[in-house]
Amino acid sequence: ILNLGARFDSFKSKVTPGQAITATTSVTLSRTDDIFNYQAGLIFKPSTNTSVYASYATAATPPNALLGEGQEQNGLGTTNTPAAITLLNSLKVEKTKSMELGAKADLLGGGLSLTAAIFETKTDNARATGPTGLQEFIGKKRVRGAELGFTGNITDELSVTGGYSYLDAEITDGGFTVLTAAAVPGQAAKTVQVASVNNGRQFPQTAKHTFTFWTNYQATSKFAIGGGAFYTSRQFGGYQDNRSATQNSAGVVTVNGPTKVIARTIPGYWRFDARLAYSFTDRIDLSVNIQNITDKTYFNQVYTSHYASIAPARSAFATLSFKY
């Protein structure tokens, strides 16, 4: 089976109310991109209950201000120099290419489904610091990963679902870091551009390992109970570079270090949830969900600047459903 698809995107990006050049003059920055994206997929069925597929797709994402999303270093610049305005006026669209190879099998007469996939995603025009110290659309990142999943019924009353994913998310080009060598007798201060310390490191806010498992038991025709476990491994928020630059009396600049790279991280965590459900009639259902039943304190989001978010404590909520 061959699947083909195409999509036409027209993005208009605009910085408003504009960038101030002087106290009385400002400029509005905008850009329009017309982009053709496509996808192709091939499915092969070796048997009636198994299938293998391959797919390739492209996508585009317009630039955006990322303030408040833990990616402040990748937000649109706000300085008012002509160079900054020129870069902002580019407003390049982030482009992504994705490849995936996977398989699916239905076992036990269709009662159990297994899935597996490997994939790679490459992104160009990601925001990164340029050689001038300003934000430019020159960055590159790459994600390689694998996923395993299962869902099915162990018995008529007991069902399970879950999966595991591995993500090797790497910053392949994080731009530059601008270092300043202090002035020495006979020499003024100098700046030097070096490759970003982020290059080759794990992409922020992306866990390498995640695991989910959920089971549901239909105790009676009206009452059901369920529970699950969720795991997320360590996540990085960003990296602090302690390199420095010095110069001698001849004006030769030397880059020192790094002696170490300081990574802002949050540890991995497990979370356990539960659910109770009761059907009063064919039309009225009540369910009670409890999240983080162990009341564990953990961080679920880390930011590139200097802080992390604490996940919600133990919480419960009830849902009453009516069908008509």
Foldseek 3Di string as FASTA:
>chain_A
DKDKDKDKDKDKDKDPPAADQDPPDGDIAIDIDIDMKMKMKDWDDPDPFKIKMKMKIKDKAFADACPPVQPNVQGQDHDNDPVSRVQRNCRDIKMKMKIKIKMKGQPPVNQKIKIKMKMKMKIFQRWAQAQVRHIHRGWIKMKIKMKIWMWGAPDPFKIKIKMKMFIQIAGQARHWDKAWAPDDVQGHIDIDIDGDPRHGHHDAPDFGMKMKMKMKGDPDPFKIKMKMKIKTAKGWAAKDFPWHWHADNVGDIDIDDDPDIDTHMFGMDMWMKMKIKGDPDPFKIKMKIKTRVVQDWGFNADHNPDDTHIDDGIDMDMDIGGDD
